[in-house]
């Protein structure tokens, strides 16, 4: 085998080795009963490549939090409220007409620093499209540390981060402020 062919083969083998490497993270998932007492604890290992442990990852693997915006900070919006209709062409000021057409809205309220401080979905209390309205709290590094639903189930999510920006703990509380689930990065 000639020298260029050997180098090419070595490069291919080395590249495939690097692409197969993943970053395995270990989580402890603890579920609590209605009184806030621990009833199940599970250790889970997840291959997440080089992704950060963020809200999207928590939703993808653990299905919490349930609803959140694509971005919590968007420099396009400062001190504004943005409303997005399901069907912009059928929007009306008549609530019953919107109800009949299933024309719900997503609303995002931004502060002066372009952070979402509140987001909601109009939905329907008597159908399967449950409404929600989350208040968002940030830490000094502009990371989400609390999501509080102010209507319907009134659940609360709390987040703690490490110095790399990974979520190291997510807690889900019931409307009675009882701990329902805790997910911790080991």
N, C-alpha and C. Protein backbone atom coordinates (compact mmCIF):
# COMPACT_ATOMS: atom_id res chain seq x y z
N UNK A 1 0.85 -1.16 0.00
CA UNK A 1 0.00 0.00 0.00
C UNK A 1 0.90 1.24 0.00
N UNK A 2 0.59 2.17 -0.87
CA UNK A 2 1.44 3.36 -0.96
C UNK A 2 1.14 4.34 0.19
N UNK A 3 2.05 5.27 0.39
CA UNK A 3 1.99 6.22 1.51
C UNK A 3 0.71 7.08 1.50
N UNK A 4 0.31 7.71 0.40
CA UNK A 4 -0.92 8.52 0.41
C UNK A 4 -2.16 7.69 0.77
N UNK A 5 -2.18 6.45 0.30
CA UNK A 5 -3.32 5.59 0.60
C UNK A 5 -3.36 5.24 2.09
N UNK A 6 -2.19 4.99 2.71
CA UNK A 6 -2.12 4.71 4.13
C UNK A 6 -2.62 5.90 4.94
N UNK A 7 -2.17 7.09 4.55
CA UNK A 7 -2.59 8.30 5.27
C UNK A 7 -4.09 8.52 5.14
N UNK A 8 -4.62 8.28 3.97
CA UNK A 8 -6.06 8.42 3.75
C UNK A 8 -6.84 7.44 4.62
N UNK A 9 -6.38 6.20 4.67
CA UNK A 9 -7.03 5.18 5.47
C UNK A 9 -6.97 5.53 6.96
N UNK A 10 -5.83 5.99 7.42
CA UNK A 10 -5.68 6.39 8.83
C UNK A 10 -6.62 7.55 9.13
N UNK A 11 -6.69 8.52 8.22
CA UNK A 11 -7.58 9.67 8.41
C UNK A 11 -9.04 9.23 8.51
N UNK A 12 -9.46 8.32 7.64
CA UNK A 12 -10.85 7.83 7.64
C UNK A 12 -11.15 7.10 8.94
N UNK A 13 -10.26 6.25 9.39
CA UNK A 13 -10.47 5.50 10.63
C UNK A 13 -10.53 6.45 11.82
N UNK A 14 -9.61 7.41 11.88
CA UNK A 14 -9.58 8.37 12.97
C UNK A 14 -10.84 9.23 12.98
N UNK A 15 -11.27 9.68 11.81
CA UNK A 15 -12.48 10.51 11.70
C UNK A 15 -13.71 9.75 12.15
N UNK A 16 -13.81 8.49 11.74
CA UNK A 16 -14.98 7.70 12.13
C UNK A 16 -14.97 7.44 13.64
N UNK A 17 -13.77 7.29 14.22
CA UNK A 17 -13.67 7.12 15.65
C UNK A 17 -14.17 8.36 16.38
N UNK A 18 -13.75 9.54 15.92
CA UNK A 18 -14.18 10.78 16.55
C UNK A 18 -15.68 11.00 16.42
N UNK A 19 -16.23 10.68 15.26
CA UNK A 19 -17.66 10.91 15.05
C UNK A 19 -18.51 9.94 15.86
N UNK A 20 -17.96 8.82 16.28
CA UNK A 20 -18.72 7.84 17.06
C UNK A 20 -18.70 8.15 18.55
N UNK A 21 -17.81 9.03 18.98
CA UNK A 21 -17.73 9.34 20.39
C UNK A 21 -18.94 10.18 20.80
N UNK A 22 -19.50 9.85 21.94
CA UNK A 22 -20.61 10.63 22.47
C UNK A 22 -20.30 11.02 23.90
N UNK A 23 -21.03 11.96 24.36
CA UNK A 23 -20.88 12.41 25.73
C UNK A 23 -22.07 11.86 26.51
N UNK A 24 -21.82 10.88 27.33
CA UNK A 24 -22.88 10.27 28.11
C UNK A 24 -23.07 11.05 29.40
N UNK A 25 -24.31 11.42 29.67
CA UNK A 25 -24.64 12.13 30.90
C UNK A 25 -25.52 11.22 31.74
N UNK A 26 -25.35 11.33 33.04
CA UNK A 26 -26.13 10.50 33.95
C UNK A 26 -27.07 11.40 34.76
N UNK A 27 -28.34 10.99 34.83
CA UNK A 27 -29.36 11.75 35.54
C UNK A 27 -30.01 10.88 36.60
N UNK A 28 -30.44 11.52 37.67
CA UNK A 28 -31.26 10.85 38.69
C UNK A 28 -32.64 11.50 38.60
N UNK A 29 -33.64 10.68 38.31
CA UNK A 29 -35.02 11.17 38.19
C UNK A 29 -35.79 10.66 39.40
N UNK A 30 -36.34 11.59 40.17
CA UNK A 30 -37.09 11.24 41.37
C UNK A 30 -38.52 11.73 41.22
N UNK A 31 -39.47 10.83 41.41
CA UNK A 31 -40.88 11.18 41.38
C UNK A 31 -41.43 11.18 42.80
N UNK A 32 -42.39 12.08 43.02
CA UNK A 32 -42.97 12.25 44.35
C UNK A 32 -44.48 12.06 44.28
N UNK A 33 -45.07 11.59 45.39
CA UNK A 33 -46.52 11.40 45.43
C UNK A 33 -47.22 12.74 45.68
N UNK A 34 -48.55 12.70 45.87
CA UNK A 34 -49.35 13.91 46.03
C UNK A 34 -49.00 14.69 47.29
N UNK A 35 -48.39 14.03 48.25
CA UNK A 35 -48.02 14.71 49.48
C UNK A 35 -46.57 15.19 49.45
N UNK A 36 -45.89 14.97 48.34
CA UNK A 36 -44.51 15.41 48.22
C UNK A 36 -43.50 14.42 48.75
N UNK A 37 -43.92 13.17 48.97
CA UNK A 37 -43.00 12.13 49.46
C UNK A 37 -42.46 11.34 48.29
N UNK A 38 -41.16 11.05 48.36
CA UNK A 38 -40.49 10.30 47.29
C UNK A 38 -41.09 8.90 47.17
N UNK A 39 -41.41 8.51 45.91
CA UNK A 39 -41.88 7.14 45.73
C UNK A 39 -41.15 6.38 44.65
N UNK A 40 -40.38 7.05 43.81
CA UNK A 40 -39.61 6.33 42.79
C UNK A 40 -38.37 7.14 42.42
N UNK A 41 -37.25 6.42 42.33
CA UNK A 41 -35.99 7.06 41.95
C UNK A 41 -35.34 6.20 40.88
N UNK A 42 -34.93 6.84 39.78
CA UNK A 42 -34.36 6.11 38.64
C UNK A 42 -33.07 6.78 38.20
N UNK A 43 -32.03 5.97 37.93
CA UNK A 43 -30.80 6.48 37.32
C UNK A 43 -30.88 6.24 35.82
N UNK A 44 -30.62 7.28 35.04
CA UNK A 44 -30.66 7.16 33.59
C UNK A 44 -29.37 7.69 32.99
N UNK A 45 -28.83 6.96 32.01
CA UNK A 45 -27.67 7.42 31.26
C UNK A 45 -28.16 7.73 29.85
N UNK A 46 -27.79 8.92 29.37
CA UNK A 46 -28.24 9.37 28.06
C UNK A 46 -27.04 9.85 27.25
N UNK A 47 -26.93 9.36 26.01
CA UNK A 47 -25.90 9.85 25.10
C UNK A 47 -26.43 11.11 24.42
N UNK A 48 -25.79 12.23 24.70
CA UNK A 48 -26.28 13.49 24.16
C UNK A 48 -25.25 14.20 23.30
N UNK A 49 -24.24 13.49 22.84
CA UNK A 49 -23.15 14.09 22.07
C UNK A 49 -22.56 15.24 22.86
N UNK A 50 -22.35 16.37 22.24
CA UNK A 50 -21.70 17.48 22.94
C UNK A 50 -22.71 18.58 23.28
N UNK A 51 -23.99 18.24 23.28
CA UNK A 51 -25.04 19.22 23.60
C UNK A 51 -24.98 19.65 25.05
N UNK A 52 -25.38 20.88 25.28
CA UNK A 52 -25.58 21.34 26.66
C UNK A 52 -26.87 20.75 27.20
N UNK A 53 -26.92 20.60 28.49
CA UNK A 53 -28.16 20.17 29.15
C UNK A 53 -28.98 21.44 29.34
N UNK A 54 -29.92 21.66 28.43
CA UNK A 54 -30.74 22.87 28.46
C UNK A 54 -32.22 22.49 28.53
N UNK A 55 -33.08 23.49 28.46
CA UNK A 55 -34.52 23.25 28.57
C UNK A 55 -35.02 22.36 27.43
N UNK A 56 -34.51 22.57 26.23
CA UNK A 56 -34.93 21.74 25.09
C UNK A 56 -34.56 20.27 25.32
N UNK A 57 -33.37 20.02 25.85
CA UNK A 57 -32.95 18.64 26.12
C UNK A 57 -33.83 18.02 27.21
N UNK A 58 -34.13 18.79 28.25
CA UNK A 58 -34.99 18.27 29.32
C UNK A 58 -36.36 17.88 28.76
N UNK A 59 -36.89 18.71 27.88
CA UNK A 59 -38.18 18.40 27.27
C UNK A 59 -38.08 17.17 26.36
N UNK A 60 -37.00 17.09 25.59
CA UNK A 60 -36.83 15.98 24.65
C UNK A 60 -36.73 14.62 25.36
N UNK A 61 -36.02 14.56 26.47
CA UNK A 61 -35.79 13.28 27.15
C UNK A 61 -36.72 13.02 28.33
N UNK A 62 -37.17 14.10 29.00
CA UNK A 62 -37.97 13.92 30.21
C UNK A 62 -39.38 14.53 30.09
N UNK A 63 -39.67 15.18 28.97
CA UNK A 63 -40.99 15.74 28.67
C UNK A 63 -41.41 16.86 29.61
N UNK A 64 -40.45 17.52 30.22
CA UNK A 64 -40.72 18.70 31.04
C UNK A 64 -39.63 19.73 30.77
N UNK A 65 -39.93 21.00 30.80
CA UNK A 65 -41.27 21.57 30.90
C UNK A 65 -42.07 21.30 29.63
N UNK A 66 -43.38 21.42 29.74
CA UNK A 66 -44.25 21.03 28.64
C UNK A 66 -44.27 22.07 27.53
N UNK A 67 -44.39 23.32 27.89
CA UNK A 67 -44.54 24.40 26.90
C UNK A 67 -43.50 25.48 27.17
N UNK A 68 -42.81 25.87 26.13
CA UNK A 68 -41.86 26.97 26.26
C UNK A 68 -41.57 27.53 24.87
N UNK A 69 -41.14 28.80 24.79
CA UNK A 69 -40.86 29.40 23.48
C UNK A 69 -39.58 28.86 22.86
N UNK A 70 -39.47 29.03 21.57
CA UNK A 70 -38.27 28.60 20.84
C UNK A 70 -37.02 29.29 21.40
N UNK A 71 -37.14 30.59 21.70
CA UNK A 71 -36.05 31.36 22.29
C UNK A 71 -36.60 32.17 23.45
N UNK A 72 -35.84 32.25 24.53
CA UNK A 72 -36.25 33.08 25.65
C UNK A 72 -35.73 34.51 25.52
N UNK A 73 -34.71 34.70 24.72
CA UNK A 73 -34.14 36.03 24.51
C UNK A 73 -34.04 36.26 23.00
N UNK A 74 -34.61 37.37 22.54
CA UNK A 74 -34.59 37.70 21.12
C UNK A 74 -34.38 39.20 20.96
N UNK A 75 -33.23 39.58 20.46
CA UNK A 75 -32.86 41.00 20.35
C UNK A 75 -33.77 41.79 19.40
N UNK A 76 -34.59 41.10 18.62
CA UNK A 76 -35.53 41.80 17.73
C UNK A 76 -36.64 42.50 18.52
N UNK A 77 -36.89 42.04 19.74
CA UNK A 77 -38.01 42.56 20.52
C UNK A 77 -37.52 43.15 21.83
N UNK A 78 -37.90 44.39 22.08
CA UNK A 78 -37.56 45.07 23.33
C UNK A 78 -38.82 45.74 23.85
N UNK A 79 -39.19 45.41 25.07
CA UNK A 79 -40.34 46.04 25.70
C UNK A 79 -41.58 46.00 24.79
N UNK A 80 -41.85 44.80 24.25
CA UNK A 80 -42.97 44.61 23.33
C UNK A 80 -43.76 43.38 23.72
N UNK A 81 -44.99 43.34 23.25
CA UNK A 81 -45.82 42.14 23.36
C UNK A 81 -46.17 41.70 21.95
N UNK A 82 -45.84 40.46 21.62
CA UNK A 82 -46.06 39.90 20.29
C UNK A 82 -47.15 38.84 20.40
N UNK A 83 -48.15 38.93 19.53
CA UNK A 83 -49.22 37.93 19.49
C UNK A 83 -49.21 37.27 18.12
N UNK A 84 -49.20 35.94 18.13
CA UNK A 84 -49.20 35.16 16.90
C UNK A 84 -50.46 34.31 16.87
N UNK A 85 -51.26 34.53 15.85
CA UNK A 85 -52.51 33.79 15.70
C UNK A 85 -52.26 32.48 14.99
N UNK A 86 -53.04 31.46 15.34
CA UNK A 86 -52.97 30.18 14.64
C UNK A 86 -53.26 30.38 13.16
N UNK A 87 -54.29 31.18 12.88
CA UNK A 87 -54.62 31.53 11.50
C UNK A 87 -54.83 33.04 11.44
N UNK A 88 -53.82 33.74 11.00
CA UNK A 88 -53.83 35.20 10.94
C UNK A 88 -55.00 35.74 10.12
N UNK A 89 -55.39 35.02 9.08
CA UNK A 89 -56.46 35.49 8.19
C UNK A 89 -57.85 35.38 8.80
N UNK A 90 -58.00 34.60 9.85
CA UNK A 90 -59.31 34.41 10.47
C UNK A 90 -59.42 35.07 11.84
N UNK A 91 -58.46 35.91 12.20
CA UNK A 91 -58.53 36.51 13.53
C UNK A 91 -59.66 37.54 13.60
N UNK A 92 -60.24 37.61 14.78
CA UNK A 92 -61.34 38.53 15.02
C UNK A 92 -61.34 38.94 16.49
N UNK A 93 -62.02 40.03 16.79
CA UNK A 93 -62.15 40.47 18.19
C UNK A 93 -63.26 39.70 18.91
N UNK A 94 -64.04 38.93 18.16
CA UNK A 94 -65.14 38.16 18.73
C UNK A 94 -64.61 36.84 19.28
N UNK A 95 -64.63 36.70 20.61
CA UNK A 95 -64.11 35.51 21.27
C UNK A 95 -64.79 34.24 20.77
N UNK A 96 -66.13 34.28 20.67
CA UNK A 96 -66.87 33.09 20.25
C UNK A 96 -66.53 32.68 18.82
N UNK A 97 -66.28 33.64 17.97
CA UNK A 97 -65.89 33.32 16.59
C UNK A 97 -64.51 32.66 16.56
N UNK A 98 -63.59 33.17 17.34
CA UNK A 98 -62.25 32.54 17.45
C UNK A 98 -62.37 31.15 18.04
N UNK A 99 -63.23 30.99 19.03
CA UNK A 99 -63.46 29.69 19.66
C UNK A 99 -63.99 28.70 18.63
N UNK A 100 -64.98 29.11 17.87
CA UNK A 100 -65.60 28.24 16.86
C UNK A 100 -64.58 27.81 15.80
N UNK A 101 -63.66 28.71 15.45
CA UNK A 101 -62.66 28.44 14.41
C UNK A 101 -61.37 27.84 14.96
N UNK A 102 -61.32 27.57 16.27
CA UNK A 102 -60.09 27.08 16.90
C UNK A 102 -58.90 27.99 16.59
N UNK A 103 -59.15 29.28 16.58
CA UNK A 103 -58.10 30.23 16.23
C UNK A 103 -57.47 30.80 17.51
N UNK A 104 -56.55 30.03 18.10
CA UNK A 104 -55.91 30.40 19.35
C UNK A 104 -54.68 31.25 19.09
N UNK A 105 -54.19 31.89 20.15
CA UNK A 105 -53.02 32.75 20.02
C UNK A 105 -51.89 32.32 20.95
N UNK A 106 -50.67 32.61 20.51
CA UNK A 106 -49.47 32.54 21.35
C UNK A 106 -49.05 33.99 21.56
N UNK A 107 -48.83 34.37 22.80
CA UNK A 107 -48.44 35.74 23.12
C UNK A 107 -47.13 35.71 23.90
N UNK A 108 -46.22 36.61 23.53
CA UNK A 108 -44.90 36.70 24.16
C UNK A 108 -44.68 38.15 24.60
N UNK A 109 -44.39 38.33 25.87
CA UNK A 109 -44.13 39.66 26.41
C UNK A 109 -42.64 39.78 26.71
N UNK A 110 -41.98 40.79 26.12
CA UNK A 110 -40.54 41.01 26.27
C UNK A 110 -40.27 42.22 27.15
N UNK A 111 -39.18 42.16 27.91
CA UNK A 111 -38.77 43.30 28.72
C UNK A 111 -37.78 44.17 27.95
N UNK A 112 -37.21 45.15 28.62
CA UNK A 112 -36.26 46.08 27.98
C UNK A 112 -34.96 45.40 27.55
N UNK A 113 -34.64 44.24 28.13
CA UNK A 113 -33.42 43.50 27.79
C UNK A 113 -33.70 42.38 26.78
N UNK A 114 -34.85 42.43 26.12
CA UNK A 114 -35.24 41.45 25.08
C UNK A 114 -35.48 40.05 25.62
N UNK A 115 -35.75 39.94 26.92
CA UNK A 115 -36.04 38.64 27.53
C UNK A 115 -37.55 38.46 27.61
N UNK A 116 -38.01 37.25 27.32
CA UNK A 116 -39.43 36.95 27.51
C UNK A 116 -39.67 36.89 29.02
N UNK A 117 -40.62 37.69 29.48
CA UNK A 117 -40.96 37.68 30.90
C UNK A 117 -42.31 37.00 31.15
N UNK A 118 -43.05 36.79 30.06
CA UNK A 118 -44.33 36.10 30.16
C UNK A 118 -44.69 35.56 28.78
N UNK A 119 -45.22 34.33 28.74
CA UNK A 119 -45.70 33.77 27.48
C UNK A 119 -46.96 32.98 27.74
N UNK A 120 -47.85 33.00 26.75
CA UNK A 120 -49.14 32.36 26.96
C UNK A 120 -49.70 31.76 25.67
N UNK A 121 -50.66 30.89 25.88
CA UNK A 121 -51.42 30.27 24.80
C UNK A 121 -52.88 30.39 25.19
N UNK A 122 -53.70 30.95 24.31
CA UNK A 122 -55.09 31.24 24.69
C UNK A 122 -55.90 29.98 24.90
N UNK A 123 -55.76 28.98 24.04
CA UNK A 123 -56.39 27.68 24.23
C UNK A 123 -57.85 27.71 24.60
N UNK A 124 -58.29 26.62 25.22
CA UNK A 124 -59.70 26.42 25.51
C UNK A 124 -59.83 25.53 26.74
N UNK A 125 -60.47 26.02 27.80
CA UNK A 125 -60.60 25.26 29.05
C UNK A 125 -61.48 24.02 28.91
N UNK A 126 -62.41 24.01 27.96
CA UNK A 126 -63.33 22.88 27.86
C UNK A 126 -62.98 21.91 26.75
N UNK A 127 -61.89 22.18 26.03
CA UNK A 127 -61.47 21.25 24.97
C UNK A 127 -60.03 20.79 25.26
N UNK A 128 -59.44 20.11 24.35
CA UNK A 128 -58.11 19.54 24.61
C UNK A 128 -56.96 20.55 24.47
N UNK A 129 -57.24 21.77 24.06
CA UNK A 129 -56.21 22.80 23.92
C UNK A 129 -56.14 23.65 25.18
N UNK A 130 -55.56 23.10 26.24
CA UNK A 130 -55.52 23.81 27.52
C UNK A 130 -54.69 25.09 27.42
N UNK A 131 -55.23 26.19 27.94
CA UNK A 131 -54.47 27.43 27.93
C UNK A 131 -53.38 27.41 29.00
N UNK A 132 -52.40 28.28 28.83
CA UNK A 132 -51.39 28.46 29.87
C UNK A 132 -50.88 29.89 29.81
N UNK A 133 -50.29 30.32 30.89
CA UNK A 133 -49.67 31.64 30.98
C UNK A 133 -48.49 31.52 31.94
N UNK A 134 -47.29 31.51 31.40
CA UNK A 134 -46.09 31.34 32.22
C UNK A 134 -45.39 32.67 32.46
N UNK A 135 -45.04 32.91 33.71
CA UNK A 135 -44.16 34.01 34.10
C UNK A 135 -42.75 33.42 34.14
N UNK A 136 -41.76 34.18 33.65
CA UNK A 136 -40.39 33.69 33.55
C UNK A 136 -39.48 34.53 34.45
N UNK A 137 -38.65 33.84 35.23
CA UNK A 137 -37.67 34.50 36.10
C UNK A 137 -36.28 34.06 35.64
N UNK A 138 -35.34 35.02 35.62
CA UNK A 138 -33.97 34.77 35.16
C UNK A 138 -32.97 35.02 36.29
N UNK A 139 -31.78 34.40 36.15
CA UNK A 139 -30.69 34.71 37.08
C UNK A 139 -29.85 35.84 36.49
N UNK A 140 -28.77 36.20 37.19
CA UNK A 140 -27.91 37.30 36.74
C UNK A 140 -27.19 37.00 35.42
N UNK A 141 -27.14 35.72 35.03
CA UNK A 141 -26.51 35.34 33.76
C UNK A 141 -27.54 35.17 32.63
N UNK A 142 -28.75 35.68 32.86
CA UNK A 142 -29.84 35.64 31.87
C UNK A 142 -30.28 34.22 31.53
N UNK A 143 -30.19 33.33 32.51
CA UNK A 143 -30.67 31.95 32.34
C UNK A 143 -32.01 31.82 33.06
N UNK A 144 -32.91 31.05 32.49
CA UNK A 144 -34.21 30.82 33.10
C UNK A 144 -34.03 30.01 34.37
N UNK A 145 -34.54 30.54 35.48
CA UNK A 145 -34.46 29.79 36.75
C UNK A 145 -35.85 29.40 37.26
N UNK A 146 -36.92 30.03 36.69
CA UNK A 146 -38.26 29.64 37.13
C UNK A 146 -39.27 29.92 36.03
N UNK A 147 -40.17 28.95 35.82
CA UNK A 147 -41.34 29.11 34.96
C UNK A 147 -42.55 28.84 35.85
N UNK A 148 -43.44 29.81 35.95
CA UNK A 148 -44.62 29.68 36.81
C UNK A 148 -45.88 29.85 35.98
N UNK A 149 -46.66 28.78 35.86
CA UNK A 149 -47.93 28.86 35.15
C UNK A 149 -48.95 29.52 36.08
N UNK A 150 -49.59 30.58 35.61
CA UNK A 150 -50.50 31.33 36.47
C UNK A 150 -51.96 30.95 36.26
N UNK A 151 -52.25 30.08 35.27
CA UNK A 151 -53.63 29.62 35.05
C UNK A 151 -53.65 28.11 34.91
N UNK A 152 -54.79 27.56 34.77
CA UNK A 152 -55.07 26.12 34.65
C UNK A 152 -54.34 25.34 35.75
N UNK A 153 -53.35 24.55 35.44
CA UNK A 153 -52.72 23.67 36.44
C UNK A 153 -51.79 24.40 37.40
N UNK A 154 -51.38 25.61 37.08
CA UNK A 154 -50.54 26.45 37.94
C UNK A 154 -49.26 25.76 38.39
N UNK A 155 -48.68 24.98 37.53
CA UNK A 155 -47.43 24.29 37.88
C UNK A 155 -46.26 25.27 37.84
N UNK A 156 -45.19 24.86 38.52
CA UNK A 156 -43.97 25.67 38.58
C UNK A 156 -42.78 24.78 38.29
N UNK A 157 -41.84 25.30 37.49
CA UNK A 157 -40.58 24.63 37.20
C UNK A 157 -39.45 25.51 37.73
N UNK A 158 -38.48 24.89 38.42
CA UNK A 158 -37.30 25.61 38.88
C UNK A 158 -36.06 24.94 38.32
N UNK A 159 -35.05 25.75 37.95
CA UNK A 159 -33.83 25.26 37.32
C UNK A 159 -32.61 25.77 38.07
N UNK A 160 -31.59 24.89 38.19
CA UNK A 160 -30.27 25.27 38.72
C UNK A 160 -29.25 24.88 37.66
N UNK A 161 -28.18 25.67 37.57
CA UNK A 161 -27.16 25.50 36.53
C UNK A 161 -25.78 25.33 37.13
N UNK A 162 -24.88 24.67 36.38
CA UNK A 162 -23.47 24.65 36.77
C UNK A 162 -22.75 25.78 36.04
N UNK A 163 -21.45 25.89 36.25
CA UNK A 163 -20.68 26.99 35.65
C UNK A 163 -20.57 26.87 34.12
N UNK A 164 -20.83 25.68 33.57
CA UNK A 164 -20.81 25.50 32.11
C UNK A 164 -22.14 25.86 31.46
N UNK A 165 -23.14 26.20 32.27
CA UNK A 165 -24.45 26.54 31.74
C UNK A 165 -25.38 25.36 31.57
N UNK A 166 -24.96 24.17 32.06
CA UNK A 166 -25.82 22.99 32.00
C UNK A 166 -26.83 23.05 33.15
N UNK A 167 -28.05 22.62 32.87
CA UNK A 167 -29.02 22.46 33.95
C UNK A 167 -28.58 21.26 34.78
N UNK A 168 -28.36 21.49 36.06
CA UNK A 168 -27.96 20.39 36.94
C UNK A 168 -29.12 19.90 37.80
N UNK A 169 -30.20 20.71 37.82
CA UNK A 169 -31.37 20.29 38.56
C UNK A 169 -32.60 20.98 38.00
N UNK A 170 -33.65 20.19 37.80
CA UNK A 170 -34.95 20.70 37.40
C UNK A 170 -35.95 20.16 38.40
N UNK A 171 -36.77 21.05 38.94
CA UNK A 171 -37.82 20.63 39.88
C UNK A 171 -39.16 21.06 39.33
N UNK A 172 -40.12 20.15 39.39
CA UNK A 172 -41.49 20.43 38.98
C UNK A 172 -42.38 20.38 40.21
N UNK A 173 -43.13 21.48 40.43
CA UNK A 173 -44.03 21.57 41.58
C UNK A 173 -45.48 21.58 41.11
N UNK A 174 -46.36 21.03 41.92
CA UNK A 174 -47.79 21.03 41.63
C UNK A 174 -48.38 22.40 41.93
N UNK A 175 -49.66 22.55 41.62
CA UNK A 175 -50.35 23.81 41.92
C UNK A 175 -50.45 24.05 43.42
N UNK A 176 -50.31 22.98 44.23
CA UNK A 176 -50.29 23.12 45.69
C UNK A 176 -48.88 23.36 46.21
N UNK A 177 -47.94 23.59 45.29
CA UNK A 177 -46.54 23.84 45.60
C UNK A 177 -45.86 22.63 46.26
N UNK A 178 -46.29 21.43 45.87
CA UNK A 178 -45.67 20.18 46.34
C UNK A 178 -44.75 19.69 45.22
N UNK A 179 -43.57 19.23 45.61
CA UNK A 179 -42.62 18.70 44.64
C UNK A 179 -43.20 17.44 43.99
N UNK A 180 -43.24 17.43 42.64
CA UNK A 180 -43.77 16.27 41.90
C UNK A 180 -42.65 15.47 41.24
N UNK A 181 -41.63 16.18 40.75
CA UNK A 181 -40.54 15.51 40.04
C UNK A 181 -39.27 16.34 40.19
N UNK A 182 -38.15 15.61 40.33
CA UNK A 182 -36.84 16.25 40.37
C UNK A 182 -35.93 15.49 39.43
N UNK A 183 -35.25 16.23 38.56
CA UNK A 183 -34.29 15.64 37.64
C UNK A 183 -32.95 16.29 37.92
N UNK A 184 -31.97 15.48 38.29
CA UNK A 184 -30.66 16.01 38.66
C UNK A 184 -29.58 15.39 37.81
N UNK A 185 -28.68 16.23 37.32
CA UNK A 185 -27.51 15.76 36.58
C UNK A 185 -26.50 15.27 37.61
N UNK A 186 -26.07 14.03 37.44
CA UNK A 186 -25.15 13.42 38.41
C UNK A 186 -23.73 13.95 38.25
